[in-house]
Amino acid sequence: MRGYLPEGYRDFHCALPYPIVAARDGAGWPWATLLTGEAGFFTSPDPQTLVISSRPAVGDALGAAFVQRVDLGVLGIELSSRRRNRLNGRILDGRGGGAIICDVEQSFGNCP
């Protein structure tokens, strides 16, 4: 387990079309959702930061959950190879409808 995203993990997460993102709703219940977007909607400007330029669909249980200081989990799965990588972090900025900026606290590979 690392406290940052190694380059290979950064490339992996940023190339995925639909990462699974988990957080807790306003009542504290855990939820997971798929986020989608145009190519490049996940970026990692440095090993400590993941920027998500997407939001949950209208009506999603996590629609209002991505706000500052919320814990966030991201699971990336490449279906063709069964490769999986996970990261845990905390949202630094999730204001309004803009990008969600996550401070990466842990990253690790998951067994297929």
PDB file of N, CA and C in Angstrom:
ATOM      1  N   MET A   1       0.849  -1.163   0.000  1.00  0.00           N
ATOM      2  CA  MET A   1       0.000   0.000   0.000  1.00  0.00           C
ATOM      3  C   MET A   1       0.899   1.232   0.000  1.00  0.00           C
ATOM      4  N   ARG A   2       0.532   2.178  -0.842  1.00  0.00           N
ATOM      5  CA  ARG A   2       1.331   3.399  -0.959  1.00  0.00           C
ATOM      6  C   ARG A   2       0.478   4.601  -0.555  1.00  0.00           C
ATOM      7  N   GLY A   3       1.122   5.654  -0.152  1.00  0.00           N
ATOM      8  CA  GLY A   3       0.444   6.896   0.215  1.00  0.00           C
ATOM      9  C   GLY A   3       0.345   7.868  -0.944  1.00  0.00           C
ATOM     10  N   TYR A   4       0.434   7.369  -2.158  1.00  0.00           N
ATOM     11  CA  TYR A   4       0.392   8.191  -3.368  1.00  0.00           C
ATOM     12  C   TYR A   4       0.026   7.285  -4.539  1.00  0.00           C
ATOM     13  N   LEU A   5      -0.170   7.870  -5.708  1.00  0.00           N
ATOM     14  CA  LEU A   5      -0.448   7.092  -6.918  1.00  0.00           C
ATOM     15  C   LEU A   5       0.825   6.964  -7.739  1.00  0.00           C
ATOM     16  N   PRO A   6       1.392   5.761  -7.863  1.00  0.00           N
ATOM     17  CA  PRO A   6       2.539   5.576  -8.750  1.00  0.00           C
ATOM     18  C   PRO A   6       2.134   5.902 -10.196  1.00  0.00           C
ATOM     19  N   GLU A   7       3.081   6.194 -11.030  1.00  0.00           N
ATOM     20  CA  GLU A   7       2.793   6.595 -12.407  1.00  0.00           C
ATOM     21  C   GLU A   7       1.903   5.582 -13.131  1.00  0.00           C
ATOM     22  N   GLY A   8       2.176   4.289 -12.982  1.00  0.00           N
ATOM     23  CA  GLY A   8       1.366   3.273 -13.645  1.00  0.00           C
ATOM     24  C   GLY A   8      -0.083   3.291 -13.192  1.00  0.00           C
ATOM     25  N   TYR A   9      -0.325   3.535 -11.908  1.00  0.00           N
ATOM     26  CA  TYR A   9      -1.686   3.631 -11.385  1.00  0.00           C
ATOM     27  C   TYR A   9      -2.364   4.895 -11.898  1.00  0.00           C
ATOM     28  N   ARG A  10      -1.603   5.983 -11.967  1.00  0.00           N
ATOM     29  CA  ARG A  10      -2.155   7.244 -12.489  1.00  0.00           C
ATOM     30  C   ARG A  10      -2.628   7.042 -13.924  1.00  0.00           C
ATOM     31  N   ASP A  11      -1.783   6.435 -14.743  1.00  0.00           N
ATOM     32  CA  ASP A  11      -2.145   6.178 -16.140  1.00  0.00           C
ATOM     33  C   ASP A  11      -3.362   5.263 -16.225  1.00  0.00           C
ATOM     34  N   PHE A  12      -3.383   4.231 -15.397  1.00  0.00           N
ATOM     35  CA  PHE A  12      -4.486   3.264 -15.386  1.00  0.00           C
ATOM     36  C   PHE A  12      -5.821   3.942 -15.072  1.00  0.00           C
ATOM     37  N   HIS A  13      -5.884   4.643 -13.947  1.00  0.00           N
ATOM     38  CA  HIS A  13      -7.136   5.282 -13.545  1.00  0.00           C
ATOM     39  C   HIS A  13      -7.593   6.324 -14.558  1.00  0.00           C
ATOM     40  N   CYS A  14      -6.665   7.063 -15.114  1.00  0.00           N
ATOM     41  CA  CYS A  14      -7.030   8.133 -16.052  1.00  0.00           C
ATOM     42  C   CYS A  14      -7.500   7.600 -17.396  1.00  0.00           C
ATOM     43  N   ALA A  15      -7.238   6.351 -17.704  1.00  0.00           N
ATOM     44  CA  ALA A  15      -7.659   5.769 -18.983  1.00  0.00           C
ATOM     45  C   ALA A  15      -9.003   5.045 -18.902  1.00  0.00           C
ATOM     46  N   LEU A  16      -9.534   4.847 -17.710  1.00  0.00           N
ATOM     47  CA  LEU A  16     -10.770   4.082 -17.557  1.00  0.00           C
ATOM     48  C   LEU A  16     -12.006   4.886 -17.962  1.00  0.00           C
ATOM     49  N   PRO A  17     -12.967   4.231 -18.624  1.00  0.00           N
ATOM     50  CA  PRO A  17     -14.184   4.937 -19.028  1.00  0.00           C
ATOM     51  C   PRO A  17     -15.242   5.034 -17.928  1.00  0.00           C
ATOM     52  N   TYR A  18     -15.138   4.217 -16.875  1.00  0.00           N
ATOM     53  CA  TYR A  18     -16.173   4.229 -15.836  1.00  0.00           C
ATOM     54  C   TYR A  18     -15.650   3.692 -14.512  1.00  0.00           C
ATOM     55  N   PRO A  19     -14.875   4.460 -13.781  1.00  0.00           N
ATOM     56  CA  PRO A  19     -14.445   4.022 -12.451  1.00  0.00           C
ATOM     57  C   PRO A  19     -15.621   3.949 -11.482  1.00  0.00           C
ATOM     58  N   ILE A  20     -15.490   3.110 -10.500  1.00  0.00           N
ATOM     59  CA  ILE A  20     -16.491   2.978  -9.442  1.00  0.00           C
ATOM     60  C   ILE A  20     -16.020   3.846  -8.280  1.00  0.00           C
ATOM     61  N   VAL A  21     -16.892   4.722  -7.824  1.00  0.00           N
ATOM     62  CA  VAL A  21     -16.540   5.673  -6.770  1.00  0.00           C
ATOM     63  C   VAL A  21     -17.488   5.456  -5.600  1.00  0.00           C
ATOM     64  N   ALA A  22     -16.930   5.423  -4.395  1.00  0.00           N
ATOM     65  CA  ALA A  22     -17.730   5.183  -3.198  1.00  0.00           C
ATOM     66  C   ALA A  22     -17.527   6.300  -2.185  1.00  0.00           C
ATOM     67  N   ALA A  23     -18.603   6.616  -1.475  1.00  0.00           N
ATOM     68  CA  ALA A  23     -18.577   7.612  -0.404  1.00  0.00           C
ATOM     69  C   ALA A  23     -19.800   7.355   0.474  1.00  0.00           C
ATOM     70  N   ARG A  24     -19.971   8.185   1.475  1.00  0.00           N
ATOM     71  CA  ARG A  24     -21.153   8.086   2.342  1.00  0.00           C
ATOM     72  C   ARG A  24     -22.102   9.232   2.010  1.00  0.00           C
ATOM     73  N   ASP A  25     -23.389   8.930   2.055  1.00  0.00           N
ATOM     74  CA  ASP A  25     -24.375   9.980   1.801  1.00  0.00           C
ATOM     75  C   ASP A  25     -24.501  10.865   3.045  1.00  0.00           C
ATOM     76  N   GLY A  26     -25.387  11.846   2.992  1.00  0.00           N
ATOM     77  CA  GLY A  26     -25.561  12.782   4.096  1.00  0.00           C
ATOM     78  C   GLY A  26     -25.976  12.137   5.402  1.00  0.00           C
ATOM     79  N   ALA A  27     -26.600  10.949   5.336  1.00  0.00           N
ATOM     80  CA  ALA A  27     -27.010  10.218   6.541  1.00  0.00           C
ATOM     81  C   ALA A  27     -25.931   9.248   7.023  1.00  0.00           C
ATOM     82  N   GLY A  28     -24.807   9.200   6.315  1.00  0.00           N
ATOM     83  CA  GLY A  28     -23.713   8.321   6.720  1.00  0.00           C
ATOM     84  C   GLY A  28     -23.725   6.942   6.097  1.00  0.00           C
ATOM     85  N   TRP A  29     -24.680   6.674   5.206  1.00  0.00           N
ATOM     86  CA  TRP A  29     -24.767   5.362   4.563  1.00  0.00           C
ATOM     87  C   TRP A  29     -23.772   5.267   3.410  1.00  0.00           C
ATOM     88  N   PRO A  30     -23.050   4.134   3.300  1.00  0.00           N
ATOM     89  CA  PRO A  30     -22.106   3.971   2.190  1.00  0.00           C
ATOM     90  C   PRO A  30     -22.823   3.625   0.888  1.00  0.00           C
ATOM     91  N   TRP A  31     -22.361   4.221  -0.204  1.00  0.00           N
ATOM     92  CA  TRP A  31     -22.896   3.977  -1.541  1.00  0.00           C
ATOM     93  C   TRP A  31     -21.749   3.916  -2.529  1.00  0.00           C
ATOM     94  N   ALA A  32     -21.995   3.259  -3.630  1.00  0.00           N
ATOM     95  CA  ALA A  32     -21.036   3.238  -4.746  1.00  0.00           C
ATOM     96  C   ALA A  32     -21.786   3.630  -6.010  1.00  0.00           C
ATOM     97  N   THR A  33     -21.085   4.293  -6.903  1.00  0.00           N
ATOM     98  CA  THR A  33     -21.690   4.707  -8.154  1.00  0.00           C
ATOM     99  C   THR A  33     -20.649   4.678  -9.263  1.00  0.00           C
ATOM    100  N   LEU A  34     -21.112   4.630 -10.495  1.00  0.00           N
ATOM    101  CA  LEU A  34     -20.224   4.728 -11.654  1.00  0.00           C
ATOM    102  C   LEU A  34     -20.198   6.171 -12.108  1.00  0.00           C
ATOM    103  N   LEU A  35     -19.019   6.664 -12.403  1.00  0.00           N
ATOM    104  CA  LEU A  35     -18.893   7.984 -13.006  1.00  0.00           C
ATOM    105  C   LEU A  35     -18.395   7.800 -14.428  1.00  0.00           C
ATOM    106  N   THR A  36     -18.955   8.554 -15.341  1.00  0.00           N
ATOM    107  CA  THR A  36     -18.560   8.456 -16.743  1.00  0.00           C
ATOM    108  C   THR A  36     -18.302   9.848 -17.291  1.00  0.00           C
ATOM    109  N   GLY A  37     -17.648   9.883 -18.430  1.00  0.00           N
ATOM    110  CA  GLY A  37     -17.381  11.159 -19.074  1.00  0.00           C
ATOM    111  C   GLY A  37     -16.571  10.977 -20.330  1.00  0.00           C
ATOM    112  N   GLU A  38     -16.263  12.077 -20.956  1.00  0.00           N
ATOM    113  CA  GLU A  38     -15.413  12.061 -22.140  1.00  0.00           C
ATOM    114  C   GLU A  38     -14.010  11.607 -21.737  1.00  0.00           C
ATOM    115  N   ALA A  39     -13.273  11.077 -22.696  1.00  0.00           N
ATOM    116  CA  ALA A  39     -11.892  10.651 -22.424  1.00  0.00           C
ATOM    117  C   ALA A  39     -11.144  11.776 -21.715  1.00  0.00           C
ATOM    118  N   GLY A  40     -10.461  11.414 -20.638  1.00  0.00           N
ATOM    119  CA  GLY A  40      -9.695  12.390 -19.877  1.00  0.00           C
ATOM    120  C   GLY A  40     -10.462  13.050 -18.745  1.00  0.00           C
ATOM    121  N   PHE A  41     -11.646  12.523 -18.384  1.00  0.00           N
ATOM    122  CA  PHE A  41     -12.394  13.150 -17.296  1.00  0.00           C
ATOM    123  C   PHE A  41     -11.792  12.842 -15.929  1.00  0.00           C
ATOM    124  N   PHE A  42     -10.906  11.858 -15.849  1.00  0.00           N
ATOM    125  CA  PHE A  42     -10.079  11.605 -14.668  1.00  0.00           C
ATOM    126  C   PHE A  42      -8.676  12.063 -15.032  1.00  0.00           C
ATOM    127  N   THR A  43      -8.077  12.915 -14.214  1.00  0.00           N
ATOM    128  CA  THR A  43      -6.688  13.323 -14.437  1.00  0.00           C
ATOM    129  C   THR A  43      -5.946  13.252 -13.111  1.00  0.00           C
ATOM    130  N   SER A  44      -4.638  13.158 -13.202  1.00  0.00           N
ATOM    131  CA  SER A  44      -3.804  13.129 -12.010  1.00  0.00           C
ATOM    132  C   SER A  44      -2.598  14.022 -12.262  1.00  0.00           C
ATOM    133  N   PRO A  45      -2.689  15.301 -11.874  1.00  0.00           N
ATOM    134  CA  PRO A  45      -1.596  16.229 -12.138  1.00  0.00           C
ATOM    135  C   PRO A  45      -0.318  15.930 -11.363  1.00  0.00           C
ATOM    136  N   ASP A  46      -0.456  15.159 -10.262  1.00  0.00           N
ATOM    137  CA  ASP A  46       0.718  14.751  -9.479  1.00  0.00           C
ATOM    138  C   ASP A  46       0.341  13.491  -8.697  1.00  0.00           C
ATOM    139  N   PRO A  47       1.314  12.810  -8.091  1.00  0.00           N
ATOM    140  CA  PRO A  47       1.027  11.530  -7.414  1.00  0.00           C
ATOM    141  C   PRO A  47       0.084  11.616  -6.209  1.00  0.00           C
ATOM    142  N   GLN A  48      -0.180  12.805  -5.686  1.00  0.00           N
ATOM    143  CA  GLN A  48      -1.060  12.968  -4.527  1.00  0.00           C
ATOM    144  C   GLN A  48      -2.470  13.393  -4.896  1.00  0.00           C
ATOM    145  N   THR A  49      -2.716  13.680  -6.186  1.00  0.00           N
ATOM    146  CA  THR A  49      -3.973  14.311  -6.560  1.00  0.00           C
ATOM    147  C   THR A  49      -4.680  13.567  -7.686  1.00  0.00           C
ATOM    148  N   LEU A  50      -5.987  13.395  -7.518  1.00  0.00           N
ATOM    149  CA  LEU A  50      -6.843  12.868  -8.579  1.00  0.00           C
ATOM    150  C   LEU A  50      -7.955  13.894  -8.786  1.00  0.00           C
ATOM    151  N   VAL A  51      -8.153  14.297 -10.040  1.00  0.00           N
ATOM    152  CA  VAL A  51      -9.187  15.272 -10.381  1.00  0.00           C
ATOM    153  C   VAL A  51     -10.243  14.553 -11.211  1.00  0.00           C
ATOM    154  N   ILE A  52     -11.490  14.626 -10.756  1.00  0.00           N
ATOM    155  CA  ILE A  52     -12.598  13.955 -11.421  1.00  0.00           C
ATOM    156  C   ILE A  52     -13.525  15.023 -11.992  1.00  0.00           C
ATOM    157  N   SER A  53     -13.591  15.104 -13.317  1.00  0.00           N
ATOM    158  CA  SER A  53     -14.442  16.092 -13.980  1.00  0.00           C
ATOM    159  C   SER A  53     -15.752  15.445 -14.408  1.00  0.00           C
ATOM    160  N   SER A  54     -16.446  14.897 -13.432  1.00  0.00           N
ATOM    161  CA  SER A  54     -17.730  14.240 -13.668  1.00  0.00           C
ATOM    162  C   SER A  54     -18.507  14.260 -12.358  1.00  0.00           C
ATOM    163  N   ARG A  55     -19.797  14.143 -12.465  1.00  0.00           N
ATOM    164  CA  ARG A  55     -20.669  14.098 -11.301  1.00  0.00           C
ATOM    165  C   ARG A  55     -21.641  12.937 -11.456  1.00  0.00           C
ATOM    166  N   PRO A  56     -22.205  12.443 -10.357  1.00  0.00           N
ATOM    167  CA  PRO A  56     -23.220  11.391 -10.466  1.00  0.00           C
ATOM    168  C   PRO A  56     -24.435  11.874 -11.247  1.00  0.00           C
ATOM    169  N   ALA A  57     -25.151  10.934 -11.819  1.00  0.00           N
ATOM    170  CA  ALA A  57     -26.374  11.244 -12.551  1.00  0.00           C
ATOM    171  C   ALA A  57     -27.418  11.841 -11.601  1.00  0.00           C
ATOM    172  N   VAL A  58     -28.331  12.598 -12.149  1.00  0.00           N
ATOM    173  CA  VAL A  58     -29.419  13.180 -11.361  1.00  0.00           C
ATOM    174  C   VAL A  58     -30.179  12.049 -10.663  1.00  0.00           C
ATOM    175  N   GLY A  59     -30.424  12.217  -9.362  1.00  0.00           N
ATOM    176  CA  GLY A  59     -31.151  11.221  -8.588  1.00  0.00           C
ATOM    177  C   GLY A  59     -30.264  10.175  -7.935  1.00  0.00           C
ATOM    178  N   ASP A  60     -28.961  10.172  -8.242  1.00  0.00           N
ATOM    179  CA  ASP A  60     -28.023   9.220  -7.642  1.00  0.00           C
ATOM    180  C   ASP A  60     -27.909   9.493  -6.143  1.00  0.00           C
ATOM    181  N   ALA A  61     -27.800   8.444  -5.344  1.00  0.00           N
ATOM    182  CA  ALA A  61     -27.692   8.582  -3.889  1.00  0.00           C
ATOM    183  C   ALA A  61     -26.486   9.419  -3.473  1.00  0.00           C
ATOM    184  N   LEU A  62     -25.450   9.469  -4.300  1.00  0.00           N
ATOM    185  CA  LEU A  62     -24.257  10.253  -3.979  1.00  0.00           C
ATOM    186  C   LEU A  62     -24.256  11.621  -4.665  1.00  0.00           C
ATOM    187  N   GLY A  63     -25.402  12.020  -5.196  1.00  0.00           N
ATOM    188  CA  GLY A  63     -25.487  13.278  -5.932  1.00  0.00           C
ATOM    189  C   GLY A  63     -24.967  14.487  -5.174  1.00  0.00           C
ATOM    190  N   ALA A  64     -25.184  14.542  -3.882  1.00  0.00           N
ATOM    191  CA  ALA A  64     -24.759  15.692  -3.079  1.00  0.00           C
ATOM    192  C   ALA A  64     -23.622  15.341  -2.123  1.00  0.00           C
ATOM    193  N   ALA A  65     -23.052  14.159  -2.255  1.00  0.00           N
ATOM    194  CA  ALA A  65     -22.074  13.677  -1.271  1.00  0.00           C
ATOM    195  C   ALA A  65     -20.644  14.158  -1.508  1.00  0.00           C
ATOM    196  N   PHE A  66     -20.315  14.555  -2.716  1.00  0.00           N
ATOM    197  CA  PHE A  66     -18.918  14.874  -3.027  1.00  0.00           C
ATOM    198  C   PHE A  66     -18.586  16.315  -2.665  1.00  0.00           C
ATOM    199  N   VAL A  67     -18.379  16.533  -1.370  1.00  0.00           N
ATOM    200  CA  VAL A  67     -18.053  17.857  -0.848  1.00  0.00           C
ATOM    201  C   VAL A  67     -16.735  17.777  -0.070  1.00  0.00           C
ATOM    202  N   GLN A  68     -16.193  18.931   0.257  1.00  0.00           N
ATOM    203  CA  GLN A  68     -14.897  19.015   0.927  1.00  0.00           C
ATOM    204  C   GLN A  68     -14.851  18.173   2.199  1.00  0.00           C
ATOM    205  N   ARG A  69     -13.732  17.481   2.383  1.00  0.00           N
ATOM    206  CA  ARG A  69     -13.379  16.638   3.534  1.00  0.00           C
ATOM    207  C   ARG A  69     -14.094  15.296   3.588  1.00  0.00           C
ATOM    208  N   VAL A  70     -14.858  14.939   2.574  1.00  0.00           N
ATOM    209  CA  VAL A  70     -15.516  13.635   2.535  1.00  0.00           C
ATOM    210  C   VAL A  70     -14.511  12.569   2.092  1.00  0.00           C
ATOM    211  N   ASP A  71     -14.525  11.414   2.755  1.00  0.00           N
ATOM    212  CA  ASP A  71     -13.688  10.287   2.341  1.00  0.00           C
ATOM    213  C   ASP A  71     -14.232   9.708   1.047  1.00  0.00           C
ATOM    214  N   LEU A  72     -13.315   9.287   0.185  1.00  0.00           N
ATOM    215  CA  LEU A  72     -13.687   8.803  -1.138  1.00  0.00           C
ATOM    216  C   LEU A  72     -12.888   7.543  -1.440  1.00  0.00           C
ATOM    217  N   GLY A  73     -13.531   6.556  -2.010  1.00  0.00           N
ATOM    218  CA  GLY A  73     -12.859   5.354  -2.491  1.00  0.00           C
ATOM    219  C   GLY A  73     -13.079   5.237  -3.982  1.00  0.00           C
ATOM    220  N   VAL A  74     -12.050   4.844  -4.716  1.00  0.00           N
ATOM    221  CA  VAL A  74     -12.161   4.665  -6.163  1.00  0.00           C
ATOM    222  C   VAL A  74     -11.611   3.293  -6.520  1.00  0.00           C
ATOM    223  N   LEU A  75     -12.403   2.519  -7.250  1.00  0.00           N
ATOM    224  CA  LEU A  75     -11.971   1.220  -7.734  1.00  0.00           C
ATOM    225  C   LEU A  75     -11.973   1.267  -9.255  1.00  0.00           C
ATOM    226  N   GLY A  76     -10.817   1.008  -9.826  1.00  0.00           N
ATOM    227  CA  GLY A  76     -10.707   0.929 -11.271  1.00  0.00           C
ATOM    228  C   GLY A  76     -10.567  -0.524 -11.687  1.00  0.00           C
ATOM    229  N   ILE A  77     -11.374  -0.947 -12.652  1.00  0.00           N
ATOM    230  CA  ILE A  77     -11.315  -2.321 -13.150  1.00  0.00           C
ATOM    231  C   ILE A  77     -11.187  -2.282 -14.662  1.00  0.00           C
ATOM    232  N   GLU A  78     -10.168  -2.953 -15.164  1.00  0.00           N
ATOM    233  CA  GLU A  78     -10.011  -3.134 -16.613  1.00  0.00           C
ATOM    234  C   GLU A  78     -10.560  -4.525 -16.923  1.00  0.00           C
ATOM    235  N   LEU A  79     -11.748  -4.588 -17.488  1.00  0.00           N
ATOM    236  CA  LEU A  79     -12.442  -5.863 -17.653  1.00  0.00           C
ATOM    237  C   LEU A  79     -11.683  -6.855 -18.530  1.00  0.00           C
ATOM    238  N   SER A  80     -11.027  -6.379 -19.580  1.00  0.00           N
ATOM    239  CA  SER A  80     -10.348  -7.298 -20.501  1.00  0.00           C
ATOM    240  C   SER A  80      -9.194  -8.048 -19.846  1.00  0.00           C
ATOM    241  N   SER A  81      -8.495  -7.404 -18.907  1.00  0.00           N
ATOM    242  CA  SER A  81      -7.348  -8.048 -18.259  1.00  0.00           C
ATOM    243  C   SER A  81      -7.638  -8.439 -16.803  1.00  0.00           C
ATOM    244  N   ARG A  82      -8.780  -7.990 -16.282  1.00  0.00           N
ATOM    245  CA  ARG A  82      -9.168  -8.180 -14.887  1.00  0.00           C
ATOM    246  C   ARG A  82      -8.258  -7.416 -13.918  1.00  0.00           C
ATOM    247  N   ARG A  83      -7.479  -6.486 -14.424  1.00  0.00           N
ATOM    248  CA  ARG A  83      -6.616  -5.665 -13.573  1.00  0.00           C
ATOM    249  C   ARG A  83      -7.493  -4.739 -12.734  1.00  0.00           C
ATOM    250  N   ARG A  84      -7.122  -4.590 -11.463  1.00  0.00           N
ATOM    251  CA  ARG A  84      -7.873  -3.746 -10.531  1.00  0.00           C
ATOM    252  C   ARG A  84      -6.907  -2.923  -9.694  1.00  0.00           C
ATOM    253  N   ASN A  85      -7.223  -1.663  -9.547  1.00  0.00           N
ATOM    254  CA  ASN A  85      -6.468  -0.785  -8.659  1.00  0.00           C
ATOM    255  C   ASN A  85      -7.452   0.009  -7.817  1.00  0.00           C
ATOM    256  N   ARG A  86      -7.068   0.235  -6.595  1.00  0.00           N
ATOM    257  CA  ARG A  86      -7.936   0.932  -5.640  1.00  0.00           C
ATOM    258  C   ARG A  86      -7.182   2.125  -5.084  1.00  0.00           C
ATOM    259  N   LEU A  87      -7.915   3.181  -4.808  1.00  0.00           N
ATOM    260  CA  LEU A  87      -7.332   4.300  -4.081  1.00  0.00           C
ATOM    261  C   LEU A  87      -8.352   4.823  -3.093  1.00  0.00           C
ATOM    262  N   ASN A  88      -7.845   5.328  -1.997  1.00  0.00           N
ATOM    263  CA  ASN A  88      -8.652   5.962  -0.965  1.00  0.00           C
ATOM    264  C   ASN A  88      -8.108   7.366  -0.777  1.00  0.00           C
ATOM    265  N   GLY A  89      -8.989   8.291  -0.540  1.00  0.00           N
ATOM    266  CA  GLY A  89      -8.543   9.660  -0.340  1.00  0.00           C
ATOM    267  C   GLY A  89      -9.621  10.499   0.300  1.00  0.00           C
ATOM    268  N   ARG A  90      -9.365  11.781   0.302  1.00  0.00           N
ATOM    269  CA  ARG A  90     -10.283  12.744   0.891  1.00  0.00           C
ATOM    270  C   ARG A  90     -10.474  13.886  -0.098  1.00  0.00           C
ATOM    271  N   ILE A  91     -11.703  14.322  -0.233  1.00  0.00           N
ATOM    272  CA  ILE A  91     -11.992  15.397  -1.172  1.00  0.00           C
ATOM    273  C   ILE A  91     -11.472  16.722  -0.618  1.00  0.00           C
ATOM    274  N   LEU A  92     -10.641  17.379  -1.418  1.00  0.00           N
ATOM    275  CA  LEU A  92     -10.118  18.697  -1.056  1.00  0.00           C
ATOM    276  C   LEU A  92     -11.083  19.783  -1.495  1.00  0.00           C
ATOM    277  N   ASP A  93     -11.707  19.561  -2.656  1.00  0.00           N
ATOM    278  CA  ASP A  93     -12.631  20.549  -3.200  1.00  0.00           C
ATOM    279  C   ASP A  93     -13.665  19.816  -4.039  1.00  0.00           C
ATOM    280  N   GLY A  94     -14.922  20.037  -3.763  1.00  0.00           N
ATOM    281  CA  GLY A  94     -15.988  19.417  -4.532  1.00  0.00           C
ATOM    282  C   GLY A  94     -17.120  20.394  -4.733  1.00  0.00           C
ATOM    283  N   ARG A  95     -16.787  21.684  -4.707  1.00  0.00           N
ATOM    284  CA  ARG A  95     -17.806  22.735  -4.773  1.00  0.00           C
ATOM    285  C   ARG A  95     -18.610  22.705  -6.066  1.00  0.00           C
ATOM    286  N   GLY A  96     -19.874  22.980  -5.918  1.00  0.00           N
ATOM    287  CA  GLY A  96     -20.749  23.168  -7.065  1.00  0.00           C
ATOM    288  C   GLY A  96     -20.727  22.014  -8.033  1.00  0.00           C
ATOM    289  N   GLY A  97     -20.859  22.318  -9.297  1.00  0.00           N
ATOM    290  CA  GLY A  97     -20.879  21.302 -10.334  1.00  0.00           C
ATOM    291  C   GLY A  97     -19.527  21.103 -10.982  1.00  0.00           C
ATOM    292  N   GLY A  98     -18.475  21.703 -10.425  1.00  0.00           N
ATOM    293  CA  GLY A  98     -17.145  21.594 -11.009  1.00  0.00           C
ATOM    294  C   GLY A  98     -16.462  20.288 -10.668  1.00  0.00           C
ATOM    295  N   ALA A  99     -15.190  20.241 -10.940  1.00  0.00           N
ATOM    296  CA  ALA A  99     -14.394  19.035 -10.714  1.00  0.00           C
ATOM    297  C   ALA A  99     -14.301  18.692  -9.230  1.00  0.00           C
ATOM    298  N   ILE A 100     -14.174  17.407  -8.962  1.00  0.00           N
ATOM    299  CA  ILE A 100     -13.938  16.890  -7.617  1.00  0.00           C
ATOM    300  C   ILE A 100     -12.427  16.684  -7.501  1.00  0.00           C
ATOM    301  N   ILE A 101     -11.791  17.337  -6.543  1.00  0.00           N
ATOM    302  CA  ILE A 101     -10.345  17.218  -6.367  1.00  0.00           C
ATOM    303  C   ILE A 101     -10.097  16.374  -5.128  1.00  0.00           C
ATOM    304  N   CYS A 102      -9.400  15.267  -5.321  1.00  0.00           N
ATOM    305  CA  CYS A 102      -9.186  14.286  -4.254  1.00  0.00           C
ATOM    306  C   CYS A 102      -7.707  14.209  -3.882  1.00  0.00           C
ATOM    307  N   ASP A 103      -7.429  14.268  -2.588  1.00  0.00           N
ATOM    308  CA  ASP A 103      -6.086  14.051  -2.053  1.00  0.00           C
ATOM    309  C   ASP A 103      -5.925  12.550  -1.816  1.00  0.00           C
ATOM    310  N   VAL A 104      -5.012  11.919  -2.533  1.00  0.00           N
ATOM    311  CA  VAL A 104      -4.816  10.469  -2.448  1.00  0.00           C
ATOM    312  C   VAL A 104      -4.080  10.137  -1.141  1.00  0.00           C
ATOM    313  N   GLU A 105      -4.669   9.256  -0.340  1.00  0.00           N
ATOM    314  CA  GLU A 105      -4.056   8.826   0.917  1.00  0.00           C
ATOM    315  C   GLU A 105      -3.517   7.404   0.850  1.00  0.00           C
ATOM    316  N   GLN A 106      -4.131   6.557   0.012  1.00  0.00           N
ATOM    317  CA  GLN A 106      -3.692   5.169  -0.141  1.00  0.00           C
ATOM    318  C   GLN A 106      -3.964   4.725  -1.574  1.00  0.00           C
ATOM    319  N   SER A 107      -3.074   3.879  -2.104  1.00  0.00           N
ATOM    320  CA  SER A 107      -3.353   3.230  -3.390  1.00  0.00           C
ATOM    321  C   SER A 107      -2.739   1.841  -3.349  1.00  0.00           C
ATOM    322  N   PHE A 108      -3.420   0.910  -4.009  1.00  0.00           N
ATOM    323  CA  PHE A 108      -2.930  -0.462  -4.016  1.00  0.00           C
ATOM    324  C   PHE A 108      -3.602  -1.250  -5.133  1.00  0.00           C
ATOM    325  N   GLY A 109      -2.948  -2.311  -5.573  1.00  0.00           N
ATOM    326  CA  GLY A 109      -3.527  -3.198  -6.554  1.00  0.00           C
ATOM    327  C   GLY A 109      -4.439  -4.204  -5.869  1.00  0.00           C
ATOM    328  N   ASN A 110      -5.493  -4.615  -6.549  1.00  0.00           N
ATOM    329  CA  ASN A 110      -6.402  -5.645  -6.059  1.00  0.00           C
ATOM    330  C   ASN A 110      -6.239  -6.882  -6.907  1.00  0.00           C
ATOM    331  N   CYS A 111      -6.370  -8.033  -6.322  1.00  0.00           N
ATOM    332  CA  CYS A 111      -6.268  -9.280  -7.068  1.00  0.00           C
ATOM    333  C   CYS A 111      -7.459  -9.420  -8.020  1.00  0.00           C
ATOM    334  N   PRO A 112      -7.233  -9.977  -9.224  1.00  0.00           N
ATOM    335  CA  PRO A 112      -8.369 -10.187 -10.136  1.00  0.00           C
ATOM    336  C   PRO A 112      -9.273 -11.312  -9.626  1.00  0.00           C
TER     337      PRO A 112
END
